PDB file of N, CA and C in Angstrom:
ATOM      1  N   MET A   1      -6.594 -24.913  -8.799  1.00  0.00           N
ATOM      2  CA  MET A   1      -7.255 -24.369  -7.901  1.00  0.00           C
ATOM      3  C   MET A   1      -6.993 -22.743  -8.178  1.00  0.00           C
ATOM      4  N   SER A   2      -8.169 -22.151  -8.192  1.00  0.00           N
ATOM      5  CA  SER A   2      -8.061 -20.839  -8.408  1.00  0.00           C
ATOM      6  C   SER A   2      -7.886 -19.853  -7.232  1.00  0.00           C
ATOM      7  N   ILE A   3      -7.324 -18.928  -7.402  1.00  0.00           N
ATOM      8  CA  ILE A   3      -7.059 -17.945  -6.085  1.00  0.00           C
ATOM      9  C   ILE A   3      -8.370 -17.523  -5.434  1.00  0.00           C
ATOM     10  N   ASP A   4      -9.267 -17.548  -6.162  1.00  0.00           N
ATOM     11  CA  ASP A   4     -10.481 -17.027  -5.705  1.00  0.00           C
ATOM     12  C   ASP A   4     -11.339 -18.139  -5.201  1.00  0.00           C
ATOM     13  N   GLU A   5     -10.876 -19.330  -5.077  1.00  0.00           N
ATOM     14  CA  GLU A   5     -11.426 -20.402  -4.498  1.00  0.00           C
ATOM     15  C   GLU A   5     -11.485 -20.457  -2.875  1.00  0.00           C
ATOM     16  N   VAL A   6     -12.830 -20.870  -2.532  1.00  0.00           N
ATOM     17  CA  VAL A   6     -12.893 -21.056  -0.843  1.00  0.00           C
ATOM     18  C   VAL A   6     -12.232 -22.630  -0.892  1.00  0.00           C
ATOM     19  N   ILE A   7     -11.644 -22.601   0.392  1.00  0.00           N
ATOM     20  CA  ILE A   7     -10.917 -23.940   0.770  1.00  0.00           C
ATOM     21  C   ILE A   7     -11.227 -24.258   1.950  1.00  0.00           C
ATOM     22  N   SER A   8     -11.121 -25.419   2.547  1.00  0.00           N
ATOM     23  CA  SER A   8     -11.408 -25.923   4.034  1.00  0.00           C
ATOM     24  C   SER A   8     -10.153 -25.346   4.544  1.00  0.00           C
ATOM     25  N   MET A   9     -10.463 -24.739   5.810  1.00  0.00           N
ATOM     26  CA  MET A   9      -9.442 -24.247   6.751  1.00  0.00           C
ATOM     27  C   MET A   9      -8.848 -25.306   7.701  1.00  0.00           C
ATOM     28  N   GLU A  10      -9.546 -26.488   7.602  1.00  0.00           N
ATOM     29  CA  GLU A  10      -9.296 -27.329   8.668  1.00  0.00           C
ATOM     30  C   GLU A  10      -7.766 -27.978   8.692  1.00  0.00           C
ATOM     31  N   PRO A  11      -7.070 -28.281   7.454  1.00  0.00           N
ATOM     32  CA  PRO A  11      -5.875 -28.715   7.459  1.00  0.00           C
ATOM     33  C   PRO A  11      -4.994 -27.501   7.711  1.00  0.00           C
ATOM     34  N   VAL A  12      -5.228 -26.471   7.471  1.00  0.00           N
ATOM     35  CA  VAL A  12      -4.533 -25.294   7.505  1.00  0.00           C
ATOM     36  C   VAL A  12      -4.421 -24.985   9.071  1.00  0.00           C
ATOM     37  N   LYS A  13      -5.531 -25.093   9.699  1.00  0.00           N
ATOM     38  CA  LYS A  13      -5.695 -24.779  11.379  1.00  0.00           C
ATOM     39  C   LYS A  13      -4.610 -25.959  12.012  1.00  0.00           C
ATOM     40  N   GLU A  14      -4.641 -27.060  11.486  1.00  0.00           N
ATOM     41  CA  GLU A  14      -3.908 -27.928  12.270  1.00  0.00           C
ATOM     42  C   GLU A  14      -2.253 -27.751  12.055  1.00  0.00           C
ATOM     43  N   LYS A  15      -2.180 -27.298  10.653  1.00  0.00           N
ATOM     44  CA  LYS A  15      -0.761 -26.852  10.709  1.00  0.00           C
ATOM     45  C   LYS A  15      -0.336 -25.526  11.453  1.00  0.00           C
ATOM     46  N   LEU A  16      -1.297 -24.567  11.457  1.00  0.00           N
ATOM     47  CA  LEU A  16      -0.836 -23.616  12.074  1.00  0.00           C
ATOM     48  C   LEU A  16      -0.668 -23.849  13.591  1.00  0.00           C
ATOM     49  N   LYS A  17      -1.413 -24.880  14.089  1.00  0.00           N
ATOM     50  CA  LYS A  17      -1.192 -25.150  15.603  1.00  0.00           C
ATOM     51  C   LYS A  17       0.317 -25.818  15.831  1.00  0.00           C
ATOM     52  N   ASN A  18       0.831 -26.285  14.705  1.00  0.00           N
ATOM     53  CA  ASN A  18       2.099 -26.931  14.635  1.00  0.00           C
ATOM     54  C   ASN A  18       2.890 -26.165  13.786  1.00  0.00           C
ATOM     55  N   LEU A  19       2.971 -24.801  13.753  1.00  0.00           N
ATOM     56  CA  LEU A  19       3.767 -23.940  12.828  1.00  0.00           C
ATOM     57  C   LEU A  19       5.252 -24.269  12.863  1.00  0.00           C
ATOM     58  N   ARG A  20       5.690 -24.462  14.067  1.00  0.00           N
ATOM     59  CA  ARG A  20       7.137 -24.836  14.227  1.00  0.00           C
ATOM     60  C   ARG A  20       7.665 -25.891  13.216  1.00  0.00           C
ATOM     61  N   LYS A  21       6.740 -26.856  12.961  1.00  0.00           N
ATOM     62  CA  LYS A  21       7.339 -27.612  12.141  1.00  0.00           C
ATOM     63  C   LYS A  21       7.299 -27.260  10.587  1.00  0.00           C
ATOM     64  N   TYR A  22       6.577 -26.421  10.311  1.00  0.00           N
ATOM     65  CA  TYR A  22       6.387 -25.631   9.046  1.00  0.00           C
ATOM     66  C   TYR A  22       7.342 -24.602   8.592  1.00  0.00           C
ATOM     67  N   MET A  23       7.533 -23.922   9.743  1.00  0.00           N
ATOM     68  CA  MET A  23       8.269 -22.495   9.781  1.00  0.00           C
ATOM     69  C   MET A  23       9.311 -22.876  10.568  1.00  0.00           C
ATOM     70  N   PRO A  24      10.375 -23.540  10.798  1.00  0.00           N
ATOM     71  CA  PRO A  24      11.367 -23.789  11.610  1.00  0.00           C
ATOM     72  C   PRO A  24      12.329 -22.502  11.804  1.00  0.00           C
ATOM     73  N   ASN A  25      12.862 -22.441  13.122  1.00  0.00           N
ATOM     74  CA  ASN A  25      13.750 -21.390  13.154  1.00  0.00           C
ATOM     75  C   ASN A  25      13.266 -19.973  13.215  1.00  0.00           C
ATOM     76  N   GLN A  26      11.977 -19.817  13.706  1.00  0.00           N
ATOM     77  CA  GLN A  26      11.207 -18.369  13.884  1.00  0.00           C
ATOM     78  C   GLN A  26      11.153 -18.325  15.333  1.00  0.00           C
ATOM     79  N   ASP A  27      10.967 -16.853  15.632  1.00  0.00           N
ATOM     80  CA  ASP A  27      10.459 -16.573  17.036  1.00  0.00           C
ATOM     81  C   ASP A  27       9.202 -17.278  17.525  1.00  0.00           C
ATOM     82  N   ASP A  28       9.295 -17.389  18.807  1.00  0.00           N
ATOM     83  CA  ASP A  28       8.083 -18.103  19.495  1.00  0.00           C
ATOM     84  C   ASP A  28       6.833 -17.136  19.174  1.00  0.00           C
ATOM     85  N   THR A  29       7.017 -15.808  18.972  1.00  0.00           N
ATOM     86  CA  THR A  29       5.987 -15.154  19.038  1.00  0.00           C
ATOM     87  C   THR A  29       5.342 -15.434  17.609  1.00  0.00           C
ATOM     88  N   ILE A  30       5.741 -15.834  16.585  1.00  0.00           N
ATOM     89  CA  ILE A  30       5.291 -16.283  15.182  1.00  0.00           C
ATOM     90  C   ILE A  30       4.380 -17.567  15.600  1.00  0.00           C
ATOM     91  N   TYR A  31       4.982 -18.727  16.388  1.00  0.00           N
ATOM     92  CA  TYR A  31       4.188 -19.937  16.592  1.00  0.00           C
ATOM     93  C   TYR A  31       3.087 -19.561  17.387  1.00  0.00           C
ATOM     94  N   ASP A  32       3.063 -18.668  18.255  1.00  0.00           N
ATOM     95  CA  ASP A  32       2.125 -18.312  19.390  1.00  0.00           C
ATOM     96  C   ASP A  32       0.848 -17.713  18.512  1.00  0.00           C
ATOM     97  N   PHE A  33       1.265 -16.697  17.397  1.00  0.00           N
ATOM     98  CA  PHE A  33       0.587 -16.141  16.802  1.00  0.00           C
ATOM     99  C   PHE A  33      -0.381 -17.212  15.749  1.00  0.00           C
ATOM    100  N   GLY A  34       0.427 -18.254  15.377  1.00  0.00           N
ATOM    101  CA  GLY A  34      -0.088 -19.192  14.349  1.00  0.00           C
ATOM    102  C   GLY A  34      -1.286 -20.025  15.025  1.00  0.00           C
ATOM    103  N   ALA A  35      -0.930 -20.270  16.353  1.00  0.00           N
ATOM    104  CA  ALA A  35      -1.770 -21.071  16.973  1.00  0.00           C
ATOM    105  C   ALA A  35      -3.127 -20.100  17.688  1.00  0.00           C
ATOM    106  N   TYR A  36      -3.047 -18.849  17.921  1.00  0.00           N
ATOM    107  CA  TYR A  36      -4.117 -18.075  18.128  1.00  0.00           C
ATOM    108  C   TYR A  36      -4.872 -17.961  16.835  1.00  0.00           C
ATOM    109  N   LEU A  37      -4.253 -17.620  15.557  1.00  0.00           N
ATOM    110  CA  LEU A  37      -4.905 -17.731  14.450  1.00  0.00           C
ATOM    111  C   LEU A  37      -5.754 -18.788  14.137  1.00  0.00           C
ATOM    112  N   ALA A  38      -5.141 -19.911  14.434  1.00  0.00           N
ATOM    113  CA  ALA A  38      -6.009 -21.185  14.159  1.00  0.00           C
ATOM    114  C   ALA A  38      -7.181 -21.227  14.764  1.00  0.00           C
ATOM    115  N   ASP A  39      -7.386 -20.707  15.999  1.00  0.00           N
ATOM    116  CA  ASP A  39      -8.521 -20.603  16.562  1.00  0.00           C
ATOM    117  C   ASP A  39      -9.510 -19.775  16.070  1.00  0.00           C
ATOM    118  N   ARG A  40      -8.969 -18.831  15.461  1.00  0.00           N
ATOM    119  CA  ARG A  40     -10.038 -17.510  14.757  1.00  0.00           C
ATOM    120  C   ARG A  40     -10.488 -17.744  13.499  1.00  0.00           C
ATOM    121  N   LEU A  41      -9.908 -18.829  12.641  1.00  0.00           N
ATOM    122  CA  LEU A  41     -10.286 -18.988  11.200  1.00  0.00           C
ATOM    123  C   LEU A  41     -11.690 -19.668  11.160  1.00  0.00           C
ATOM    124  N   ASN A  42     -12.560 -19.253   9.988  1.00  0.00           N
ATOM    125  CA  ASN A  42     -13.761 -19.791   9.822  1.00  0.00           C
ATOM    126  C   ASN A  42     -13.393 -21.278   9.082  1.00  0.00           C
ATOM    127  N   PRO A  43     -14.312 -22.130   9.048  1.00  0.00           N
ATOM    128  CA  PRO A  43     -14.216 -23.295   8.748  1.00  0.00           C
ATOM    129  C   PRO A  43     -13.852 -23.294   7.075  1.00  0.00           C
ATOM    130  N   GLU A  44     -14.259 -22.353   6.327  1.00  0.00           N
ATOM    131  CA  GLU A  44     -13.671 -22.167   5.101  1.00  0.00           C
ATOM    132  C   GLU A  44     -13.524 -20.803   4.638  1.00  0.00           C
ATOM    133  N   LEU A  45     -12.355 -20.384   3.796  1.00  0.00           N
ATOM    134  CA  LEU A  45     -12.096 -18.995   3.610  1.00  0.00           C
ATOM    135  C   LEU A  45     -11.418 -18.909   1.874  1.00  0.00           C
ATOM    136  N   PHE A  46     -11.726 -17.720   1.390  1.00  0.00           N
ATOM    137  CA  PHE A  46     -10.873 -17.287   0.528  1.00  0.00           C
ATOM    138  C   PHE A  46      -9.623 -16.615   0.881  1.00  0.00           C
ATOM    139  N   SER A  47      -8.653 -16.604  -0.064  1.00  0.00           N
ATOM    140  CA  SER A  47      -7.454 -16.278   0.434  1.00  0.00           C
ATOM    141  C   SER A  47      -7.472 -14.421   1.036  1.00  0.00           C
ATOM    142  N   GLN A  48      -8.248 -13.854   0.450  1.00  0.00           N
ATOM    143  CA  GLN A  48      -8.464 -12.605   1.050  1.00  0.00           C
ATOM    144  C   GLN A  48      -9.136 -12.710   2.624  1.00  0.00           C
ATOM    145  N   GLY A  49      -9.948 -13.701   2.795  1.00  0.00           N
ATOM    146  CA  GLY A  49     -10.427 -13.968   4.204  1.00  0.00           C
ATOM    147  C   GLY A  49      -9.493 -14.200   5.255  1.00  0.00           C
ATOM    148  N   PHE A  50      -8.398 -15.100   4.560  1.00  0.00           N
ATOM    149  CA  PHE A  50      -7.292 -15.303   5.550  1.00  0.00           C
ATOM    150  C   PHE A  50      -6.379 -14.087   5.929  1.00  0.00           C
ATOM    151  N   ASN A  51      -6.436 -13.264   4.872  1.00  0.00           N
ATOM    152  CA  ASN A  51      -5.703 -11.843   5.430  1.00  0.00           C
ATOM    153  C   ASN A  51      -6.448 -11.371   6.301  1.00  0.00           C
ATOM    154  N   MET A  52      -7.739 -11.161   6.023  1.00  0.00           N
ATOM    155  CA  MET A  52      -8.672 -10.105   7.063  1.00  0.00           C
ATOM    156  C   MET A  52      -8.579 -11.130   8.303  1.00  0.00           C
ATOM    157  N   ALA A  53      -8.913 -12.216   8.328  1.00  0.00           N
ATOM    158  CA  ALA A  53      -8.856 -13.104   9.795  1.00  0.00           C
ATOM    159  C   ALA A  53      -7.458 -12.648  10.550  1.00  0.00           C
ATOM    160  N   ALA A  54      -6.336 -12.557   9.829  1.00  0.00           N
ATOM    161  CA  ALA A  54      -5.268 -12.454  10.381  1.00  0.00           C
ATOM    162  C   ALA A  54      -5.007 -10.936  11.093  1.00  0.00           C
ATOM    163  N   GLU A  55      -5.343 -10.098  10.052  1.00  0.00           N
ATOM    164  CA  GLU A  55      -5.589  -8.700  10.629  1.00  0.00           C
ATOM    165  C   GLU A  55      -6.151  -8.322  11.766  1.00  0.00           C
ATOM    166  N   LEU A  56      -7.406  -8.911  11.631  1.00  0.00           N
ATOM    167  CA  LEU A  56      -8.396  -8.752  12.913  1.00  0.00           C
ATOM    168  C   LEU A  56      -8.077  -9.327  13.975  1.00  0.00           C
ATOM    169  N   ALA A  57      -7.282 -10.566  14.057  1.00  0.00           N
ATOM    170  CA  ALA A  57      -6.703 -11.300  15.072  1.00  0.00           C
ATOM    171  C   ALA A  57      -5.418 -10.165  15.587  1.00  0.00           C
ATOM    172  N   LEU A  58      -4.758  -9.971  14.743  1.00  0.00           N
ATOM    173  CA  LEU A  58      -3.779  -8.957  15.393  1.00  0.00           C
ATOM    174  C   LEU A  58      -4.221  -7.438  16.012  1.00  0.00           C
ATOM    175  N   TYR A  59      -5.379  -7.134  15.432  1.00  0.00           N
ATOM    176  CA  TYR A  59      -5.811  -5.752  15.979  1.00  0.00           C
ATOM    177  C   TYR A  59      -6.488  -6.185  17.246  1.00  0.00           C
ATOM    178  N   ASP A  60      -7.157  -7.265  17.576  1.00  0.00           N
ATOM    179  CA  ASP A  60      -7.652  -7.639  18.896  1.00  0.00           C
ATOM    180  C   ASP A  60      -6.556  -8.066  19.731  1.00  0.00           C
ATOM    181  N   LEU A  61      -5.497  -8.710  19.325  1.00  0.00           N
ATOM    182  CA  LEU A  61      -4.332  -8.857  20.292  1.00  0.00           C
ATOM    183  C   LEU A  61      -3.844  -7.606  20.867  1.00  0.00           C
ATOM    184  N   GLN A  62      -3.641  -6.484  19.877  1.00  0.00           N
ATOM    185  CA  GLN A  62      -3.169  -5.326  20.091  1.00  0.00           C
ATOM    186  C   GLN A  62      -4.073  -4.478  21.201  1.00  0.00           C
ATOM    187  N   THR A  63      -5.339  -4.614  21.078  1.00  0.00           N
ATOM    188  CA  THR A  63      -6.280  -3.949  21.958  1.00  0.00           C
ATOM    189  C   THR A  63      -6.538  -4.726  23.218  1.00  0.00           C
ATOM    190  N   GLY A  64      -6.264  -6.114  23.036  1.00  0.00           N
ATOM    191  CA  GLY A  64      -6.272  -6.702  24.109  1.00  0.00           C
ATOM    192  C   GLY A  64      -7.666  -7.371  24.581  1.00  0.00           C
ATOM    193  N   VAL A  65      -8.762  -7.141  23.455  1.00  0.00           N
ATOM    194  CA  VAL A  65     -10.064  -7.322  23.660  1.00  0.00           C
ATOM    195  C   VAL A  65     -10.604  -8.082  22.404  1.00  0.00           C
ATOM    196  N   ASP A  66     -11.332  -9.444  22.686  1.00  0.00           N
ATOM    197  CA  ASP A  66     -11.694 -10.026  21.481  1.00  0.00           C
ATOM    198  C   ASP A  66     -12.874  -9.254  20.788  1.00  0.00           C
ATOM    199  N   GLY A  67     -12.773  -9.112  19.472  1.00  0.00           N
ATOM    200  CA  GLY A  67     -13.684  -8.145  18.587  1.00  0.00           C
ATOM    201  C   GLY A  67     -15.092  -8.922  18.650  1.00  0.00           C
ATOM    202  N   PHE A  68     -15.115 -10.230  18.853  1.00  0.00           N
ATOM    203  CA  PHE A  68     -16.462 -10.991  18.835  1.00  0.00           C
ATOM    204  C   PHE A  68     -17.104 -10.875  20.143  1.00  0.00           C
ATOM    205  N   SER A  69     -16.390 -11.243  21.096  1.00  0.00           N
ATOM    206  CA  SER A  69     -17.111 -11.516  22.112  1.00  0.00           C
ATOM    207  C   SER A  69     -17.004 -10.023  23.344  1.00  0.00           C
ATOM    208  N   GLY A  70     -16.057  -9.451  22.955  1.00  0.00           N
ATOM    209  CA  GLY A  70     -16.007  -8.113  23.838  1.00  0.00           C
ATOM    210  C   GLY A  70     -15.040  -8.559  24.975  1.00  0.00           C
ATOM    211  N   GLN A  71     -14.682  -9.772  25.269  1.00  0.00           N
ATOM    212  CA  GLN A  71     -14.119 -10.139  26.496  1.00  0.00           C
ATOM    213  C   GLN A  71     -12.406  -9.964  26.322  1.00  0.00           C
ATOM    214  N   PRO A  72     -11.924  -9.583  27.341  1.00  0.00           N
ATOM    215  CA  PRO A  72     -10.398  -9.602  27.549  1.00  0.00           C
ATOM    216  C   PRO A  72      -9.865 -10.787  26.991  1.00  0.00           C
ATOM    217  N   ILE A  73      -8.644 -10.654  26.207  1.00  0.00           N
ATOM    218  CA  ILE A  73      -7.923 -11.897  25.723  1.00  0.00           C
ATOM    219  C   ILE A  73      -6.662 -12.192  26.572  1.00  0.00           C
ATOM    220  N   ARG A  74      -6.635 -13.345  26.960  1.00  0.00           N
ATOM    221  CA  ARG A  74      -5.748 -13.876  27.986  1.00  0.00           C
ATOM    222  C   ARG A  74      -4.710 -14.595  27.105  1.00  0.00           C
ATOM    223  N   SER A  75      -3.537 -14.054  26.693  1.00  0.00           N
ATOM    224  CA  SER A  75      -2.694 -14.404  25.963  1.00  0.00           C
ATOM    225  C   SER A  75      -1.418 -13.787  25.898  1.00  0.00           C
ATOM    226  N   ARG A  76      -0.095 -14.301  25.920  1.00  0.00           N
ATOM    227  CA  ARG A  76       1.013 -13.802  26.091  1.00  0.00           C
ATOM    228  C   ARG A  76       1.410 -12.769  24.752  1.00  0.00           C
ATOM    229  N   LEU A  77       0.526 -12.728  23.905  1.00  0.00           N
ATOM    230  CA  LEU A  77       0.698 -12.091  22.692  1.00  0.00           C
ATOM    231  C   LEU A  77      -0.071 -10.629  22.996  1.00  0.00           C
ATOM    232  N   VAL A  78      -0.697 -10.576  23.982  1.00  0.00           N
ATOM    233  CA  VAL A  78      -1.244  -9.018  24.391  1.00  0.00           C
ATOM    234  C   VAL A  78      -0.378  -8.244  24.938  1.00  0.00           C
ATOM    235  N   GLY A  79      -0.309  -7.017  24.811  1.00  0.00           N
ATOM    236  CA  GLY A  79       0.627  -6.153  25.526  1.00  0.00           C
ATOM    237  C   GLY A  79       1.981  -5.702  24.789  1.00  0.00           C
ATOM    238  N   TYR A  80       2.248  -6.026  23.655  1.00  0.00           N
ATOM    239  CA  TYR A  80       3.486  -5.703  22.983  1.00  0.00           C
ATOM    240  C   TYR A  80       3.357  -4.387  22.438  1.00  0.00           C
ATOM    241  N   PRO A  81       4.342  -3.880  22.157  1.00  0.00           N
ATOM    242  CA  PRO A  81       4.341  -2.588  21.345  1.00  0.00           C
ATOM    243  C   PRO A  81       3.710  -2.862  19.832  1.00  0.00           C
ATOM    244  N   SER A  82       3.248  -1.658  19.269  1.00  0.00           N
ATOM    245  CA  SER A  82       2.454  -1.880  18.209  1.00  0.00           C
ATOM    246  C   SER A  82       3.219  -2.220  17.231  1.00  0.00           C
ATOM    247  N   MET A  83       4.652  -2.083  17.055  1.00  0.00           N
ATOM    248  CA  MET A  83       5.766  -2.391  16.071  1.00  0.00           C
ATOM    249  C   MET A  83       5.742  -3.890  16.106  1.00  0.00           C
ATOM    250  N   ILE A  84       5.595  -4.601  17.014  1.00  0.00           N
ATOM    251  CA  ILE A  84       5.486  -6.093  17.044  1.00  0.00           C
ATOM    252  C   ILE A  84       4.225  -6.599  16.438  1.00  0.00           C
ATOM    253  N   TYR A  85       3.097  -6.076  16.482  1.00  0.00           N
ATOM    254  CA  TYR A  85       2.018  -6.309  15.488  1.00  0.00           C
ATOM    255  C   TYR A  85       2.067  -6.205  14.029  1.00  0.00           C
ATOM    256  N   GLY A  86       2.815  -5.179  13.838  1.00  0.00           N
ATOM    257  CA  GLY A  86       3.268  -4.734  12.616  1.00  0.00           C
ATOM    258  C   GLY A  86       4.190  -5.681  12.063  1.00  0.00           C
ATOM    259  N   LEU A  87       5.245  -6.286  12.645  1.00  0.00           N
ATOM    260  CA  LEU A  87       6.169  -7.230  12.006  1.00  0.00           C
ATOM    261  C   LEU A  87       5.123  -8.569  11.937  1.00  0.00           C
ATOM    262  N   LEU A  88       4.440  -8.935  12.962  1.00  0.00           N
ATOM    263  CA  LEU A  88       3.638 -10.139  12.795  1.00  0.00           C
ATOM    264  C   LEU A  88       2.741 -10.089  11.422  1.00  0.00           C
ATOM    265  N   SER A  89       2.110  -8.838  11.086  1.00  0.00           N
ATOM    266  CA  SER A  89       1.429  -8.701  10.109  1.00  0.00           C
ATOM    267  C   SER A  89       2.091  -9.021   8.587  1.00  0.00           C
ATOM    268  N   MET A  90       3.468  -8.472   8.900  1.00  0.00           N
ATOM    269  CA  MET A  90       4.302  -8.735   7.548  1.00  0.00           C
ATOM    270  C   MET A  90       4.605 -10.256   7.272  1.00  0.00           C
ATOM    271  N   GLN A  91       4.512 -10.882   8.228  1.00  0.00           N
ATOM    272  CA  GLN A  91       4.761 -12.501   8.221  1.00  0.00           C
ATOM    273  C   GLN A  91       3.595 -13.223   7.606  1.00  0.00           C
ATOM    274  N   VAL A  92       2.391 -12.645   7.518  1.00  0.00           N
ATOM    275  CA  VAL A  92       1.255 -13.325   7.180  1.00  0.00           C
ATOM    276  C   VAL A  92       1.390 -14.071   5.835  1.00  0.00           C
ATOM    277  N   PRO A  93       1.859 -13.544   4.999  1.00  0.00           N
ATOM    278  CA  PRO A  93       2.194 -14.262   3.510  1.00  0.00           C
ATOM    279  C   PRO A  93       3.139 -15.395   3.693  1.00  0.00           C
ATOM    280  N   GLN A  94       4.176 -15.340   4.589  1.00  0.00           N
ATOM    281  CA  GLN A  94       4.960 -16.345   4.769  1.00  0.00           C
ATOM    282  C   GLN A  94       4.443 -17.522   5.485  1.00  0.00           C
ATOM    283  N   ILE A  95       3.514 -17.018   6.723  1.00  0.00           N
ATOM    284  CA  ILE A  95       2.828 -18.193   7.312  1.00  0.00           C
ATOM    285  C   ILE A  95       2.199 -18.922   6.237  1.00  0.00           C
ATOM    286  N   ALA A  96       1.111 -18.371   5.524  1.00  0.00           N
ATOM    287  CA  ALA A  96       0.139 -18.712   4.451  1.00  0.00           C
ATOM    288  C   ALA A  96       1.099 -19.677   3.515  1.00  0.00           C
ATOM    289  N   GLU A  97       2.189 -19.124   2.994  1.00  0.00           N
ATOM    290  CA  GLU A  97       3.153 -20.131   2.272  1.00  0.00           C
ATOM    291  C   GLU A  97       3.381 -21.397   3.043  1.00  0.00           C
ATOM    292  N   ALA A  98       3.737 -21.334   4.219  1.00  0.00           N
ATOM    293  CA  ALA A  98       3.910 -22.402   4.808  1.00  0.00           C
ATOM    294  C   ALA A  98       2.913 -23.553   5.246  1.00  0.00           C
ATOM    295  N   VAL A  99       1.651 -23.026   5.414  1.00  0.00           N
ATOM    296  CA  VAL A  99       0.508 -24.184   5.928  1.00  0.00           C
ATOM    297  C   VAL A  99      -0.565 -24.167   4.892  1.00  0.00           C
ATOM    298  N   CYS A 100      -0.621 -23.087   3.698  1.00  0.00           N
ATOM    299  CA  CYS A 100      -1.709 -23.329   2.828  1.00  0.00           C
ATOM    300  C   CYS A 100      -1.157 -23.870   1.457  1.00  0.00           C
ATOM    301  N   PRO A 101      -2.152 -24.303   0.662  1.00  0.00           N
ATOM    302  CA  PRO A 101      -1.798 -24.910  -0.635  1.00  0.00           C
ATOM    303  C   PRO A 101      -1.277 -23.743  -1.595  1.00  0.00           C
ATOM    304  N   GLU A 102      -0.417 -23.852  -2.331  1.00  0.00           N
ATOM    305  CA  GLU A 102       0.254 -22.876  -3.018  1.00  0.00           C
ATOM    306  C   GLU A 102      -0.426 -21.907  -3.580  1.00  0.00           C
ATOM    307  N   ASP A 103      -1.500 -22.014  -4.552  1.00  0.00           N
ATOM    308  CA  ASP A 103      -2.358 -21.113  -5.232  1.00  0.00           C
ATOM    309  C   ASP A 103      -2.961 -20.027  -4.046  1.00  0.00           C
ATOM    310  N   PHE A 104      -3.695 -20.884  -3.073  1.00  0.00           N
ATOM    311  CA  PHE A 104      -4.223 -20.022  -1.953  1.00  0.00           C
ATOM    312  C   PHE A 104      -3.080 -19.007  -1.236  1.00  0.00           C
ATOM    313  N   ALA A 105      -2.085 -19.842  -1.149  1.00  0.00           N
ATOM    314  CA  ALA A 105      -0.943 -18.853  -0.486  1.00  0.00           C
ATOM    315  C   ALA A 105      -0.495 -17.722  -1.296  1.00  0.00           C
ATOM    316  N   LYS A 106      -0.280 -17.808  -2.647  1.00  0.00           N
ATOM    317  CA  LYS A 106      -0.167 -16.695  -3.660  1.00  0.00           C
ATOM    318  C   LYS A 106      -1.128 -15.765  -3.574  1.00  0.00           C
ATOM    319  N   GLY A 107      -2.607 -16.320  -3.153  1.00  0.00           N
ATOM    320  CA  GLY A 107      -3.570 -15.311  -3.227  1.00  0.00           C
ATOM    321  C   GLY A 107      -3.598 -14.086  -1.937  1.00  0.00           C
ATOM    322  N   VAL A 108      -2.934 -15.017  -0.979  1.00  0.00           N
ATOM    323  CA  VAL A 108      -2.828 -14.264   0.177  1.00  0.00           C
ATOM    324  C   VAL A 108      -1.691 -13.129  -0.007  1.00  0.00           C
ATOM    325  N   LYS A 109      -0.693 -13.737  -0.545  1.00  0.00           N
ATOM    326  CA  LYS A 109       0.570 -12.700  -0.611  1.00  0.00           C
ATOM    327  C   LYS A 109       0.152 -11.363  -1.815  1.00  0.00           C
ATOM    328  N   ASP A 110      -0.479 -11.965  -2.920  1.00  0.00           N
ATOM    329  CA  ASP A 110      -0.930 -10.869  -3.611  1.00  0.00           C
ATOM    330  C   ASP A 110      -1.954  -9.701  -3.103  1.00  0.00           C
ATOM    331  N   PHE A 111      -2.879 -10.267  -2.369  1.00  0.00           N
ATOM    332  CA  PHE A 111      -3.787  -9.412  -1.384  1.00  0.00           C
ATOM    333  C   PHE A 111      -2.930  -8.677  -0.709  1.00  0.00           C
ATOM    334  N   TYR A 112      -2.191  -9.106   0.092  1.00  0.00           N
ATOM    335  CA  TYR A 112      -1.293  -8.350   1.232  1.00  0.00           C
ATOM    336  C   TYR A 112      -0.703  -7.239   0.327  1.00  0.00           C
ATOM    337  N   GLU A 113       0.107  -7.639  -0.791  1.00  0.00           N
ATOM    338  CA  GLU A 113       0.708  -6.599  -1.310  1.00  0.00           C
ATOM    339  C   GLU A 113       0.062  -5.498  -2.113  1.00  0.00           C
ATOM    340  N   GLN A 114      -1.337  -5.949  -2.437  1.00  0.00           N
ATOM    341  CA  GLN A 114      -2.372  -5.139  -2.913  1.00  0.00           C
ATOM    342  C   GLN A 114      -2.496  -4.091  -1.897  1.00  0.00           C
ATOM    343  N   VAL A 115      -2.852  -4.470  -0.737  1.00  0.00           N
ATOM    344  CA  VAL A 115      -3.402  -3.708   0.528  1.00  0.00           C
ATOM    345  C   VAL A 115      -2.188  -2.949   0.917  1.00  0.00           C
ATOM    346  N   ASN A 116      -0.890  -3.517   1.141  1.00  0.00           N
ATOM    347  CA  ASN A 116       0.078  -2.782   1.875  1.00  0.00           C
ATOM    348  C   ASN A 116       1.039  -2.336   0.828  1.00  0.00           C
ATOM    349  N   GLY A 117       1.004  -2.403  -0.404  1.00  0.00           N
ATOM    350  CA  GLY A 117       2.052  -2.074  -1.345  1.00  0.00           C
ATOM    351  C   GLY A 117       3.208  -3.192  -1.642  1.00  0.00           C
ATOM    352  N   LYS A 118       3.770  -3.347  -2.669  1.00  0.00           N
ATOM    353  CA  LYS A 118       4.430  -4.369  -3.298  1.00  0.00           C
ATOM    354  C   LYS A 118       5.502  -4.315  -2.407  1.00  0.00           C
ATOM    355  N   ASN A 119       6.246  -3.336  -1.778  1.00  0.00           N
ATOM    356  CA  ASN A 119       7.423  -3.634  -1.245  1.00  0.00           C
ATOM    357  C   ASN A 119       7.209  -3.690   0.431  1.00  0.00           C
ATOM    358  N   ALA A 120       6.014  -3.913   0.854  1.00  0.00           N
ATOM    359  CA  ALA A 120       5.614  -4.033   2.291  1.00  0.00           C
ATOM    360  C   ALA A 120       6.411  -5.298   2.891  1.00  0.00           C
TER     361      ALA A 120
END
């Protein structure tokens, strides 16, 4: 599989909804974010699209407004200090590693490092 390959997000969504099984011993905030992200992913994505979907989801949670519908988001993930969303963003490559095929997860990590710096 090429890192530029589009893959189905259906198995990824199922794993995100059950993230506790794939990333044990994490904070509940990570599991809540995984479930929220699962509902926001397109049916098929490139690895870069996964990153963008995660960042847009975090932005919407930070503002408390769904960027697609313009409606308020009702979630316990809304209302945290901005630092929490930054910490969640830093977890996106690890989340991808837990729930995505290996090459796809590597693409997510590589894109994250390209955008945020190697040591981000």
